[in-house]
């Protein structure tokens, strides 16, 4: 919240009075296509080998948050999902995470 407040304090006001977080040089809301293009440019600069698009960031955010907190309702709220079933997509855990949980919790995990 503090970072957003600091950004909004220095960002020029939107020409249309919108509450958009990112604005174009003309003071209008940045379009989804511009976000996709900029994300692709940054991914190429970083040498990212996979196709990166904004939904990948959203999915990664939700998956990591759910893995670290386990709070499906909080993730639902942060993503703005009306239905919990939409959020349950992110509950599919990867095998490495499941193996780590097993190793920490199961009494026979260390038995060889």
PDB file of N, CA and C in Angstrom:
ATOM      1  N   UNK A   1       0.818  -1.197   0.000  1.00  0.00           N
ATOM      2  CA  UNK A   1       0.000   0.000   0.000  1.00  0.00           C
ATOM      3  C   UNK A   1       0.855   1.251   0.000  1.00  0.00           C
ATOM      4  N   UNK A   2       1.942   1.200   0.763  1.00  0.00           N
ATOM      5  CA  UNK A   2       2.816   2.373   0.831  1.00  0.00           C
ATOM      6  C   UNK A   2       3.454   2.654  -0.524  1.00  0.00           C
ATOM      7  N   UNK A   3       3.876   1.591  -1.211  1.00  0.00           N
ATOM      8  CA  UNK A   3       4.496   1.764  -2.524  1.00  0.00           C
ATOM      9  C   UNK A   3       3.494   2.338  -3.519  1.00  0.00           C
ATOM     10  N   UNK A   4       2.265   1.856  -3.480  1.00  0.00           N
ATOM     11  CA  UNK A   4       1.235   2.383  -4.380  1.00  0.00           C
ATOM     12  C   UNK A   4       0.926   3.842  -4.070  1.00  0.00           C
ATOM     13  N   UNK A   5       0.831   4.162  -2.806  1.00  0.00           N
ATOM     14  CA  UNK A   5       0.561   5.550  -2.421  1.00  0.00           C
ATOM     15  C   UNK A   5       1.698   6.464  -2.870  1.00  0.00           C
ATOM     16  N   UNK A   6       2.940   5.988  -2.726  1.00  0.00           N
ATOM     17  CA  UNK A   6       4.095   6.786  -3.156  1.00  0.00           C
ATOM     18  C   UNK A   6       4.073   6.989  -4.667  1.00  0.00           C
ATOM     19  N   UNK A   7       3.728   5.932  -5.414  1.00  0.00           N
ATOM     20  CA  UNK A   7       3.673   6.030  -6.879  1.00  0.00           C
ATOM     21  C   UNK A   7       2.578   7.010  -7.306  1.00  0.00           C
ATOM     22  N   UNK A   8       1.409   6.878  -6.719  1.00  0.00           N
ATOM     23  CA  UNK A   8       0.299   7.756  -7.092  1.00  0.00           C
ATOM     24  C   UNK A   8       0.574   9.211  -6.726  1.00  0.00           C
ATOM     25  N   UNK A   9       1.412   9.444  -5.723  1.00  0.00           N
ATOM     26  CA  UNK A   9       1.756  10.812  -5.324  1.00  0.00           C
ATOM     27  C   UNK A   9       2.651  11.495  -6.351  1.00  0.00           C
ATOM     28  N   UNK A  10       3.491  10.736  -7.051  1.00  0.00           N
ATOM     29  CA  UNK A  10       4.413  11.339  -8.021  1.00  0.00           C
ATOM     30  C   UNK A  10       3.933  11.204  -9.463  1.00  0.00           C
ATOM     31  N   UNK A  11       3.000  10.308  -9.708  1.00  0.00           N
ATOM     32  CA  UNK A  11       2.481  10.107 -11.059  1.00  0.00           C
ATOM     33  C   UNK A  11       1.590  11.275 -11.449  1.00  0.00           C
ATOM     34  N   UNK A  12       1.699  11.745 -12.681  1.00  0.00           N
ATOM     35  CA  UNK A  12       0.796  12.820 -13.108  1.00  0.00           C
ATOM     36  C   UNK A  12      -0.653  12.329 -13.065  1.00  0.00           C
ATOM     37  N   UNK A  13      -1.604  13.213 -12.836  1.00  0.00           N
ATOM     38  CA  UNK A  13      -3.005  12.779 -12.792  1.00  0.00           C
ATOM     39  C   UNK A  13      -3.482  12.310 -14.169  1.00  0.00           C
ATOM     40  N   UNK A  14      -4.418  11.387 -14.167  1.00  0.00           N
ATOM     41  CA  UNK A  14      -4.982  10.885 -15.421  1.00  0.00           C
ATOM     42  C   UNK A  14      -5.791  11.985 -16.089  1.00  0.00           C
ATOM     43  N   UNK A  15      -5.664  12.096 -17.411  1.00  0.00           N
ATOM     44  CA  UNK A  15      -6.378  13.149 -18.136  1.00  0.00           C
ATOM     45  C   UNK A  15      -7.886  12.942 -18.101  1.00  0.00           C
ATOM     46  N   UNK A  16      -8.314  11.693 -17.937  1.00  0.00           N
ATOM     47  CA  UNK A  16      -9.750  11.419 -17.895  1.00  0.00           C
ATOM     48  C   UNK A  16     -10.269  11.232 -16.467  1.00  0.00           C
ATOM     49  N   UNK A  17      -9.405  11.471 -15.478  1.00  0.00           N
ATOM     50  CA  UNK A  17      -9.808  11.341 -14.085  1.00  0.00           C
ATOM     51  C   UNK A  17      -9.949   9.907 -13.602  1.00  0.00           C
ATOM     52  N   UNK A  18      -9.480   8.944 -14.402  1.00  0.00           N
ATOM     53  CA  UNK A  18      -9.625   7.533 -14.021  1.00  0.00           C
ATOM     54  C   UNK A  18      -8.658   7.173 -12.899  1.00  0.00           C
ATOM     55  N   UNK A  19      -8.910   6.038 -12.299  1.00  0.00           N
ATOM     56  CA  UNK A  19      -8.059   5.551 -11.210  1.00  0.00           C
ATOM     57  C   UNK A  19      -7.018   4.564 -11.731  1.00  0.00           C
ATOM     58  N   UNK A  20      -6.678   4.660 -13.001  1.00  0.00           N
ATOM     59  CA  UNK A  20      -5.706   3.742 -13.600  1.00  0.00           C
ATOM     60  C   UNK A  20      -4.357   3.885 -12.913  1.00  0.00           C
ATOM     61  N   UNK A  21      -3.688   2.772 -12.727  1.00  0.00           N
ATOM     62  CA  UNK A  21      -2.391   2.776 -12.061  1.00  0.00           C
ATOM     63  C   UNK A  21      -1.286   3.234 -13.009  1.00  0.00           C
ATOM     64  N   UNK A  22      -1.345   2.761 -14.248  1.00  0.00           N
ATOM     65  CA  UNK A  22      -0.326   3.105 -15.237  1.00  0.00           C
ATOM     66  C   UNK A  22      -0.960   3.910 -16.363  1.00  0.00           C
ATOM     67  N   UNK A  23      -0.275   4.982 -16.726  1.00  0.00           N
ATOM     68  CA  UNK A  23      -0.794   5.891 -17.743  1.00  0.00           C
ATOM     69  C   UNK A  23       0.160   5.996 -18.921  1.00  0.00           C
ATOM     70  N   UNK A  24      -0.413   6.313 -20.075  1.00  0.00           N
ATOM     71  CA  UNK A  24       0.402   6.567 -21.259  1.00  0.00           C
ATOM     72  C   UNK A  24       0.994   7.973 -21.158  1.00  0.00           C
ATOM     73  N   UNK A  25       1.815   8.330 -22.128  1.00  0.00           N
ATOM     74  CA  UNK A  25       2.409   9.675 -22.124  1.00  0.00           C
ATOM     75  C   UNK A  25       1.344  10.754 -22.310  1.00  0.00           C
ATOM     76  N   UNK A  26       0.163  10.354 -22.801  1.00  0.00           N
ATOM     77  CA  UNK A  26      -0.943  11.302 -22.984  1.00  0.00           C
ATOM     78  C   UNK A  26      -1.854  11.384 -21.763  1.00  0.00           C
ATOM     79  N   UNK A  27      -1.515  10.631 -20.709  1.00  0.00           N
ATOM     80  CA  UNK A  27      -2.311  10.680 -19.490  1.00  0.00           C
ATOM     81  C   UNK A  27      -3.538   9.792 -19.506  1.00  0.00           C
ATOM     82  N   UNK A  28      -3.599   8.877 -20.476  1.00  0.00           N
ATOM     83  CA  UNK A  28      -4.731   7.952 -20.545  1.00  0.00           C
ATOM     84  C   UNK A  28      -4.313   6.574 -20.047  1.00  0.00           C
ATOM     85  N   UNK A  29      -5.301   5.776 -19.729  1.00  0.00           N
ATOM     86  CA  UNK A  29      -5.065   4.418 -19.237  1.00  0.00           C
ATOM     87  C   UNK A  29      -4.256   3.622 -20.268  1.00  0.00           C
ATOM     88  N   UNK A  30      -3.246   2.886 -19.800  1.00  0.00           N
ATOM     89  CA  UNK A  30      -2.445   2.034 -20.677  1.00  0.00           C
ATOM     90  C   UNK A  30      -3.310   0.847 -21.091  1.00  0.00           C
ATOM     91  N   UNK A  31      -3.295   0.521 -22.373  1.00  0.00           N
ATOM     92  CA  UNK A  31      -4.125  -0.578 -22.871  1.00  0.00           C
ATOM     93  C   UNK A  31      -3.495  -1.933 -22.548  1.00  0.00           C
ATOM     94  N   UNK A  32      -4.305  -2.981 -22.512  1.00  0.00           N
ATOM     95  CA  UNK A  32      -3.751  -4.322 -22.286  1.00  0.00           C
ATOM     96  C   UNK A  32      -2.683  -4.701 -23.319  1.00  0.00           C
ATOM     97  N   UNK A  33      -2.845  -4.279 -24.551  1.00  0.00           N
ATOM     98  CA  UNK A  33      -1.866  -4.599 -25.598  1.00  0.00           C
ATOM     99  C   UNK A  33      -0.514  -3.951 -25.291  1.00  0.00           C
ATOM    100  N   UNK A  34      -0.515  -2.743 -24.781  1.00  0.00           N
ATOM    101  CA  UNK A  34       0.732  -2.067 -24.413  1.00  0.00           C
ATOM    102  C   UNK A  34       1.418  -2.821 -23.277  1.00  0.00           C
ATOM    103  N   UNK A  35       0.642  -3.268 -22.297  1.00  0.00           N
ATOM    104  CA  UNK A  35       1.209  -4.047 -21.188  1.00  0.00           C
ATOM    105  C   UNK A  35       1.836  -5.329 -21.726  1.00  0.00           C
ATOM    106  N   UNK A  36       1.133  -6.031 -22.621  1.00  0.00           N
ATOM    107  CA  UNK A  36       1.668  -7.258 -23.220  1.00  0.00           C
ATOM    108  C   UNK A  36       2.974  -6.982 -23.956  1.00  0.00           C
ATOM    109  N   UNK A  37       2.997  -5.912 -24.732  1.00  0.00           N
ATOM    110  CA  UNK A  37       4.185  -5.569 -25.514  1.00  0.00           C
ATOM    111  C   UNK A  37       5.376  -5.244 -24.607  1.00  0.00           C
ATOM    112  N   UNK A  38       5.140  -4.445 -23.577  1.00  0.00           N
ATOM    113  CA  UNK A  38       6.232  -4.080 -22.660  1.00  0.00           C
ATOM    114  C   UNK A  38       6.739  -5.289 -21.885  1.00  0.00           C
ATOM    115  N   UNK A  39       5.838  -6.146 -21.473  1.00  0.00           N
ATOM    116  CA  UNK A  39       6.231  -7.360 -20.763  1.00  0.00           C
ATOM    117  C   UNK A  39       7.078  -8.252 -21.663  1.00  0.00           C
ATOM    118  N   UNK A  40       6.681  -8.371 -22.914  1.00  0.00           N
ATOM    119  CA  UNK A  40       7.452  -9.170 -23.876  1.00  0.00           C
ATOM    120  C   UNK A  40       8.850  -8.578 -24.063  1.00  0.00           C
ATOM    121  N   UNK A  41       8.944  -7.258 -24.175  1.00  0.00           N
ATOM    122  CA  UNK A  41      10.245  -6.604 -24.331  1.00  0.00           C
ATOM    123  C   UNK A  41      11.148  -6.877 -23.130  1.00  0.00           C
ATOM    124  N   UNK A  42      10.611  -6.750 -21.930  1.00  0.00           N
ATOM    125  CA  UNK A  42      11.403  -6.997 -20.715  1.00  0.00           C
ATOM    126  C   UNK A  42      11.812  -8.462 -20.612  1.00  0.00           C
ATOM    127  N   UNK A  43      10.932  -9.370 -21.005  1.00  0.00           N
ATOM    128  CA  UNK A  43      11.248 -10.802 -20.972  1.00  0.00           C
ATOM    129  C   UNK A  43      12.372 -11.119 -21.952  1.00  0.00           C
ATOM    130  N   UNK A  44      12.336 -10.522 -23.126  1.00  0.00           N
ATOM    131  CA  UNK A  44      13.400 -10.741 -24.114  1.00  0.00           C
ATOM    132  C   UNK A  44      14.733 -10.200 -23.609  1.00  0.00           C
ATOM    133  N   UNK A  45      14.709  -9.015 -22.997  1.00  0.00           N
ATOM    134  CA  UNK A  45      15.929  -8.433 -22.427  1.00  0.00           C
ATOM    135  C   UNK A  45      16.514  -9.324 -21.344  1.00  0.00           C
ATOM    136  N   UNK A  46      15.631  -9.926 -20.555  1.00  0.00           N
ATOM    137  CA  UNK A  46      16.068 -10.776 -19.444  1.00  0.00           C
ATOM    138  C   UNK A  46      16.474 -12.169 -19.914  1.00  0.00           C
ATOM    139  N   UNK A  47      16.222 -12.465 -21.184  1.00  0.00           N
ATOM    140  CA  UNK A  47      16.578 -13.780 -21.707  1.00  0.00           C
ATOM    141  C   UNK A  47      15.625 -14.882 -21.282  1.00  0.00           C
ATOM    142  N   UNK A  48      14.397 -14.519 -20.967  1.00  0.00           N
ATOM    143  CA  UNK A  48      13.401 -15.507 -20.565  1.00  0.00           C
ATOM    144  C   UNK A  48      13.039 -16.367 -21.772  1.00  0.00           C
ATOM    145  N   UNK A  49      13.206 -17.694 -21.651  1.00  0.00           N
ATOM    146  CA  UNK A  49      12.998 -18.558 -22.810  1.00  0.00           C
ATOM    147  C   UNK A  49      11.535 -18.885 -23.112  1.00  0.00           C
ATOM    148  N   UNK A  50      10.626 -18.575 -22.213  1.00  0.00           N
ATOM    149  CA  UNK A  50       9.224 -18.923 -22.430  1.00  0.00           C
ATOM    150  C   UNK A  50       8.421 -17.701 -22.833  1.00  0.00           C
ATOM    151  N   UNK A  51       7.271 -17.962 -23.446  1.00  0.00           N
ATOM    152  CA  UNK A  51       6.372 -16.868 -23.820  1.00  0.00           C
ATOM    153  C   UNK A  51       5.748 -16.302 -22.545  1.00  0.00           C
ATOM    154  N   UNK A  52       6.004 -15.045 -22.285  1.00  0.00           N
ATOM    155  CA  UNK A  52       5.509 -14.402 -21.068  1.00  0.00           C
ATOM    156  C   UNK A  52       4.388 -13.439 -21.442  1.00  0.00           C
ATOM    157  N   UNK A  53       3.297 -13.541 -20.722  1.00  0.00           N
ATOM    158  CA  UNK A  53       2.199 -12.604 -20.907  1.00  0.00           C
ATOM    159  C   UNK A  53       1.637 -12.254 -19.530  1.00  0.00           C
ATOM    160  N   UNK A  54       0.836 -11.199 -19.432  1.00  0.00           N
ATOM    161  CA  UNK A  54       0.372 -10.745 -18.116  1.00  0.00           C
ATOM    162  C   UNK A  54      -0.304 -11.821 -17.273  1.00  0.00           C
ATOM    163  N   UNK A  55      -1.020 -12.741 -17.904  1.00  0.00           N
ATOM    164  CA  UNK A  55      -1.700 -13.764 -17.105  1.00  0.00           C
ATOM    165  C   UNK A  55      -0.710 -14.695 -16.414  1.00  0.00           C
ATOM    166  N   UNK A  56       0.475 -14.873 -16.997  1.00  0.00           N
ATOM    167  CA  UNK A  56       1.511 -15.685 -16.348  1.00  0.00           C
ATOM    168  C   UNK A  56       1.894 -15.048 -15.011  1.00  0.00           C
ATOM    169  N   UNK A  57       1.998 -13.727 -14.980  1.00  0.00           N
ATOM    170  CA  UNK A  57       2.313 -13.029 -13.730  1.00  0.00           C
ATOM    171  C   UNK A  57       1.192 -13.210 -12.711  1.00  0.00           C
ATOM    172  N   UNK A  58      -0.035 -13.098 -13.165  1.00  0.00           N
ATOM    173  CA  UNK A  58      -1.191 -13.269 -12.279  1.00  0.00           C
ATOM    174  C   UNK A  58      -1.221 -14.691 -11.723  1.00  0.00           C
ATOM    175  N   UNK A  59      -0.995 -15.669 -12.592  1.00  0.00           N
ATOM    176  CA  UNK A  59      -1.002 -17.072 -12.178  1.00  0.00           C
ATOM    177  C   UNK A  59       0.137 -17.351 -11.195  1.00  0.00           C
ATOM    178  N   UNK A  60       1.322 -16.826 -11.486  1.00  0.00           N
ATOM    179  CA  UNK A  60       2.469 -17.022 -10.589  1.00  0.00           C
ATOM    180  C   UNK A  60       2.208 -16.388  -9.229  1.00  0.00           C
ATOM    181  N   UNK A  61       1.678 -15.172  -9.239  1.00  0.00           N
ATOM    182  CA  UNK A  61       1.341 -14.480  -7.993  1.00  0.00           C
ATOM    183  C   UNK A  61       0.398 -15.329  -7.153  1.00  0.00           C
ATOM    184  N   UNK A  62      -0.680 -15.802  -7.778  1.00  0.00           N
ATOM    185  CA  UNK A  62      -1.683 -16.582  -7.050  1.00  0.00           C
ATOM    186  C   UNK A  62      -1.108 -17.901  -6.544  1.00  0.00           C
ATOM    187  N   UNK A  63      -0.346 -18.588  -7.381  1.00  0.00           N
ATOM    188  CA  UNK A  63       0.219 -19.885  -6.991  1.00  0.00           C
ATOM    189  C   UNK A  63       1.196 -19.741  -5.833  1.00  0.00           C
ATOM    190  N   UNK A  64       2.086 -18.765  -5.912  1.00  0.00           N
ATOM    191  CA  UNK A  64       3.071 -18.563  -4.840  1.00  0.00           C
ATOM    192  C   UNK A  64       2.400 -18.120  -3.539  1.00  0.00           C
ATOM    193  N   UNK A  65       1.420 -17.247  -3.649  1.00  0.00           N
ATOM    194  CA  UNK A  65       0.704 -16.797  -2.457  1.00  0.00           C
ATOM    195  C   UNK A  65      -0.026 -17.960  -1.797  1.00  0.00           C
ATOM    196  N   UNK A  66      -0.669 -18.780  -2.600  1.00  0.00           N
ATOM    197  CA  UNK A  66      -1.394 -19.921  -2.047  1.00  0.00           C
ATOM    198  C   UNK A  66      -0.441 -20.934  -1.433  1.00  0.00           C
ATOM    199  N   UNK A  67       0.703 -21.163  -2.096  1.00  0.00           N
ATOM    200  CA  UNK A  67       1.694 -22.102  -1.554  1.00  0.00           C
ATOM    201  C   UNK A  67       2.243 -21.630  -0.221  1.00  0.00           C
ATOM    202  N   UNK A  68       2.481 -20.336  -0.102  1.00  0.00           N
ATOM    203  CA  UNK A  68       3.095 -19.843   1.132  1.00  0.00           C
ATOM    204  C   UNK A  68       2.083 -19.636   2.256  1.00  0.00           C
ATOM    205  N   UNK A  69       0.844 -19.311   1.909  1.00  0.00           N
ATOM    206  CA  UNK A  69      -0.132 -19.025   2.964  1.00  0.00           C
ATOM    207  C   UNK A  69      -1.166 -20.127   3.148  1.00  0.00           C
ATOM    208  N   UNK A  70      -1.525 -20.800   2.074  1.00  0.00           N
ATOM    209  CA  UNK A  70      -2.568 -21.809   2.146  1.00  0.00           C
ATOM    210  C   UNK A  70      -3.963 -21.227   2.314  1.00  0.00           C
ATOM    211  N   UNK A  71      -4.093 -19.920   2.174  1.00  0.00           N
ATOM    212  CA  UNK A  71      -5.370 -19.244   2.403  1.00  0.00           C
ATOM    213  C   UNK A  71      -6.087 -18.982   1.079  1.00  0.00           C
ATOM    214  N   UNK A  72      -6.917 -19.930   0.675  1.00  0.00           N
ATOM    215  CA  UNK A  72      -7.617 -19.842  -0.604  1.00  0.00           C
ATOM    216  C   UNK A  72      -8.556 -18.640  -0.656  1.00  0.00           C
ATOM    217  N   UNK A  73      -9.203 -18.326   0.448  1.00  0.00           N
ATOM    218  CA  UNK A  73     -10.121 -17.178   0.489  1.00  0.00           C
ATOM    219  C   UNK A  73      -9.387 -15.851   0.277  1.00  0.00           C
ATOM    220  N   UNK A  74      -8.202 -15.722   0.850  1.00  0.00           N
ATOM    221  CA  UNK A  74      -7.421 -14.493   0.659  1.00  0.00           C
ATOM    222  C   UNK A  74      -7.007 -14.353  -0.800  1.00  0.00           C
ATOM    223  N   UNK A  75      -6.578 -15.456  -1.409  1.00  0.00           N
ATOM    224  CA  UNK A  75      -6.191 -15.425  -2.825  1.00  0.00           C
ATOM    225  C   UNK A  75      -7.405 -15.056  -3.674  1.00  0.00           C
ATOM    226  N   UNK A  76      -8.567 -15.620  -3.346  1.00  0.00           N
ATOM    227  CA  UNK A  76      -9.801 -15.296  -4.066  1.00  0.00           C
ATOM    228  C   UNK A  76     -10.067 -13.793  -4.019  1.00  0.00           C
ATOM    229  N   UNK A  77      -9.939 -13.213  -2.846  1.00  0.00           N
ATOM    230  CA  UNK A  77     -10.194 -11.781  -2.672  1.00  0.00           C
ATOM    231  C   UNK A  77      -9.186 -10.937  -3.453  1.00  0.00           C
ATOM    232  N   UNK A  78      -7.912 -11.308  -3.368  1.00  0.00           N
ATOM    233  CA  UNK A  78      -6.872 -10.533  -4.052  1.00  0.00           C
ATOM    234  C   UNK A  78      -6.992 -10.605  -5.572  1.00  0.00           C
ATOM    235  N   UNK A  79      -7.477 -11.736  -6.086  1.00  0.00           N
ATOM    236  CA  UNK A  79      -7.648 -11.875  -7.531  1.00  0.00           C
ATOM    237  C   UNK A  79      -8.971 -11.286  -8.021  1.00  0.00           C
ATOM    238  N   UNK A  80      -9.872 -11.011  -7.078  1.00  0.00           N
ATOM    239  CA  UNK A  80     -11.161 -10.449  -7.460  1.00  0.00           C
ATOM    240  C   UNK A  80     -12.119 -11.472  -8.038  1.00  0.00           C
ATOM    241  N   UNK A  81     -11.948 -12.740  -7.682  1.00  0.00           N
ATOM    242  CA  UNK A  81     -12.844 -13.781  -8.168  1.00  0.00           C
ATOM    243  C   UNK A  81     -14.150 -13.751  -7.380  1.00  0.00           C
ATOM    244  N   UNK A  82     -15.267 -13.802  -8.078  1.00  0.00           N
ATOM    245  CA  UNK A  82     -16.564 -13.856  -7.414  1.00  0.00           C
ATOM    246  C   UNK A  82     -16.817 -15.246  -6.840  1.00  0.00           C
ATOM    247  N   UNK A  83     -16.308 -16.256  -7.524  1.00  0.00           N
ATOM    248  CA  UNK A  83     -16.548 -17.639  -7.113  1.00  0.00           C
ATOM    249  C   UNK A  83     -15.253 -18.303  -6.662  1.00  0.00           C
ATOM    250  N   UNK A  84     -15.331 -19.066  -5.584  1.00  0.00           N
ATOM    251  CA  UNK A  84     -14.158 -19.788  -5.081  1.00  0.00           C
ATOM    252  C   UNK A  84     -13.709 -20.853  -6.077  1.00  0.00           C
ATOM    253  N   UNK A  85     -14.631 -21.346  -6.915  1.00  0.00           N
ATOM    254  CA  UNK A  85     -14.248 -22.371  -7.895  1.00  0.00           C
ATOM    255  C   UNK A  85     -13.263 -21.816  -8.922  1.00  0.00           C
ATOM    256  N   UNK A  86     -13.347 -20.535  -9.207  1.00  0.00           N
ATOM    257  CA  UNK A  86     -12.376 -19.918 -10.121  1.00  0.00           C
ATOM    258  C   UNK A  86     -10.984 -19.919  -9.511  1.00  0.00           C
ATOM    259  N   UNK A  87     -10.918 -19.746  -8.212  1.00  0.00           N
ATOM    260  CA  UNK A  87      -9.637 -19.677  -7.506  1.00  0.00           C
ATOM    261  C   UNK A  87      -9.037 -21.060  -7.297  1.00  0.00           C
ATOM    262  N   UNK A  88      -9.869 -22.089  -7.252  1.00  0.00           N
ATOM    263  CA  UNK A  88      -9.386 -23.445  -7.000  1.00  0.00           C
ATOM    264  C   UNK A  88      -8.455 -23.959  -8.089  1.00  0.00           C
ATOM    265  N   UNK A  89      -8.418 -23.309  -9.235  1.00  0.00           N
ATOM    266  CA  UNK A  89      -7.486 -23.673 -10.307  1.00  0.00           C
ATOM    267  C   UNK A  89      -6.054 -23.638  -9.787  1.00  0.00           C
ATOM    268  N   UNK A  90      -5.785 -22.736  -8.851  1.00  0.00           N
ATOM    269  CA  UNK A  90      -4.433 -22.537  -8.344  1.00  0.00           C
ATOM    270  C   UNK A  90      -4.046 -23.526  -7.248  1.00  0.00           C
ATOM    271  N   UNK A  91      -4.949 -24.437  -6.897  1.00  0.00           N
ATOM    272  CA  UNK A  91      -4.648 -25.379  -5.821  1.00  0.00           C
ATOM    273  C   UNK A  91      -3.882 -26.604  -6.299  1.00  0.00           C
ATOM    274  N   UNK A  92      -3.711 -26.760  -7.589  1.00  0.00           N
ATOM    275  CA  UNK A  92      -2.937 -27.888  -8.109  1.00  0.00           C
ATOM    276  C   UNK A  92      -1.469 -27.654  -7.761  1.00  0.00           C
ATOM    277  N   UNK A  93      -0.957 -28.419  -6.822  1.00  0.00           N
ATOM    278  CA  UNK A  93       0.412 -28.233  -6.346  1.00  0.00           C
ATOM    279  C   UNK A  93       1.391 -29.017  -7.205  1.00  0.00           C
ATOM    280  N   UNK A  94       2.569 -28.493  -7.370  1.00  0.00           N
ATOM    281  CA  UNK A  94       3.575 -29.204  -8.139  1.00  0.00           C
ATOM    282  C   UNK A  94       4.180 -30.341  -7.305  1.00  0.00           C
ATOM    283  N   UNK A  95       4.760 -31.308  -7.977  1.00  0.00           N
ATOM    284  CA  UNK A  95       5.282 -32.507  -7.323  1.00  0.00           C
ATOM    285  C   UNK A  95       6.374 -32.173  -6.306  1.00  0.00           C
ATOM    286  N   UNK A  96       7.256 -31.246  -6.614  1.00  0.00           N
ATOM    287  CA  UNK A  96       8.337 -30.890  -5.690  1.00  0.00           C
ATOM    288  C   UNK A  96       7.778 -30.362  -4.371  1.00  0.00           C
ATOM    289  N   UNK A  97       6.745 -29.558  -4.448  1.00  0.00           N
ATOM    290  CA  UNK A  97       6.131 -29.029  -3.224  1.00  0.00           C
ATOM    291  C   UNK A  97       5.513 -30.164  -2.412  1.00  0.00           C
ATOM    292  N   UNK A  98       4.815 -31.068  -3.095  1.00  0.00           N
ATOM    293  CA  UNK A  98       4.214 -32.206  -2.392  1.00  0.00           C
ATOM    294  C   UNK A  98       5.282 -33.074  -1.742  1.00  0.00           C
ATOM    295  N   UNK A  99       6.394 -33.307  -2.445  1.00  0.00           N
ATOM    296  CA  UNK A  99       7.482 -34.117  -1.894  1.00  0.00           C
ATOM    297  C   UNK A  99       8.090 -33.444  -0.667  1.00  0.00           C
ATOM    298  N   UNK A 100       8.238 -32.132  -0.711  1.00  0.00           N
ATOM    299  CA  UNK A 100       8.808 -31.405   0.430  1.00  0.00           C
ATOM    300  C   UNK A 100       7.885 -31.488   1.643  1.00  0.00           C
ATOM    301  N   UNK A 101       6.591 -31.354   1.426  1.00  0.00           N
ATOM    302  CA  UNK A 101       5.627 -31.470   2.525  1.00  0.00           C
ATOM    303  C   UNK A 101       5.691 -32.872   3.112  1.00  0.00           C
ATOM    304  N   UNK A 102       5.742 -33.869   2.255  1.00  0.00           N
ATOM    305  CA  UNK A 102       5.844 -35.262   2.713  1.00  0.00           C
ATOM    306  C   UNK A 102       7.112 -35.462   3.538  1.00  0.00           C
ATOM    307  N   UNK A 103       8.245 -34.979   3.023  1.00  0.00           N
ATOM    308  CA  UNK A 103       9.526 -35.147   3.723  1.00  0.00           C
ATOM    309  C   UNK A 103       9.513 -34.496   5.103  1.00  0.00           C
ATOM    310  N   UNK A 104       8.857 -33.355   5.235  1.00  0.00           N
ATOM    311  CA  UNK A 104       8.800 -32.659   6.523  1.00  0.00           C
ATOM    312  C   UNK A 104       7.833 -33.319   7.501  1.00  0.00           C
ATOM    313  N   UNK A 105       6.755 -33.897   6.992  1.00  0.00           N
ATOM    314  CA  UNK A 105       5.683 -34.318   7.883  1.00  0.00           C
ATOM    315  C   UNK A 105       5.563 -35.820   8.130  1.00  0.00           C
ATOM    316  N   UNK A 106       5.928 -36.635   7.171  1.00  0.00           N
ATOM    317  CA  UNK A 106       5.677 -38.070   7.316  1.00  0.00           C
ATOM    318  C   UNK A 106       6.806 -38.747   8.080  1.00  0.00           C
ATOM    319  N   UNK A 107       6.475 -39.545   9.106  1.00  0.00           N
ATOM    320  CA  UNK A 107       7.515 -40.169   9.934  1.00  0.00           C
ATOM    321  C   UNK A 107       8.398 -41.157   9.169  1.00  0.00           C
ATOM    322  N   UNK A 108       7.911 -41.739   8.105  1.00  0.00           N
ATOM    323  CA  UNK A 108       8.707 -42.717   7.350  1.00  0.00           C
ATOM    324  C   UNK A 108       9.441 -42.101   6.158  1.00  0.00           C
ATOM    325  N   UNK A 109       9.385 -40.806   6.025  1.00  0.00           N
ATOM    326  CA  UNK A 109      10.027 -40.179   4.870  1.00  0.00           C
ATOM    327  C   UNK A 109      11.542 -40.320   4.899  1.00  0.00           C
ATOM    328  N   UNK A 110      12.119 -40.448   6.082  1.00  0.00           N
ATOM    329  CA  UNK A 110      13.578 -40.547   6.210  1.00  0.00           C
ATOM    330  C   UNK A 110      14.062 -42.000   6.219  1.00  0.00           C
ATOM    331  N   UNK A 111      13.142 -42.960   6.297  1.00  0.00           N
ATOM    332  CA  UNK A 111      13.498 -44.380   6.351  1.00  0.00           C
ATOM    333  C   UNK A 111      13.944 -44.834   4.972  1.00  0.00           C
ATOM    334  N   UNK A 112      15.096 -45.510   4.930  1.00  0.00           N
ATOM    335  CA  UNK A 112      15.611 -45.988   3.635  1.00  0.00           C
ATOM    336  C   UNK A 112      15.613 -47.484   3.606  1.00  0.00           C
TER     337      UNK A 112
END
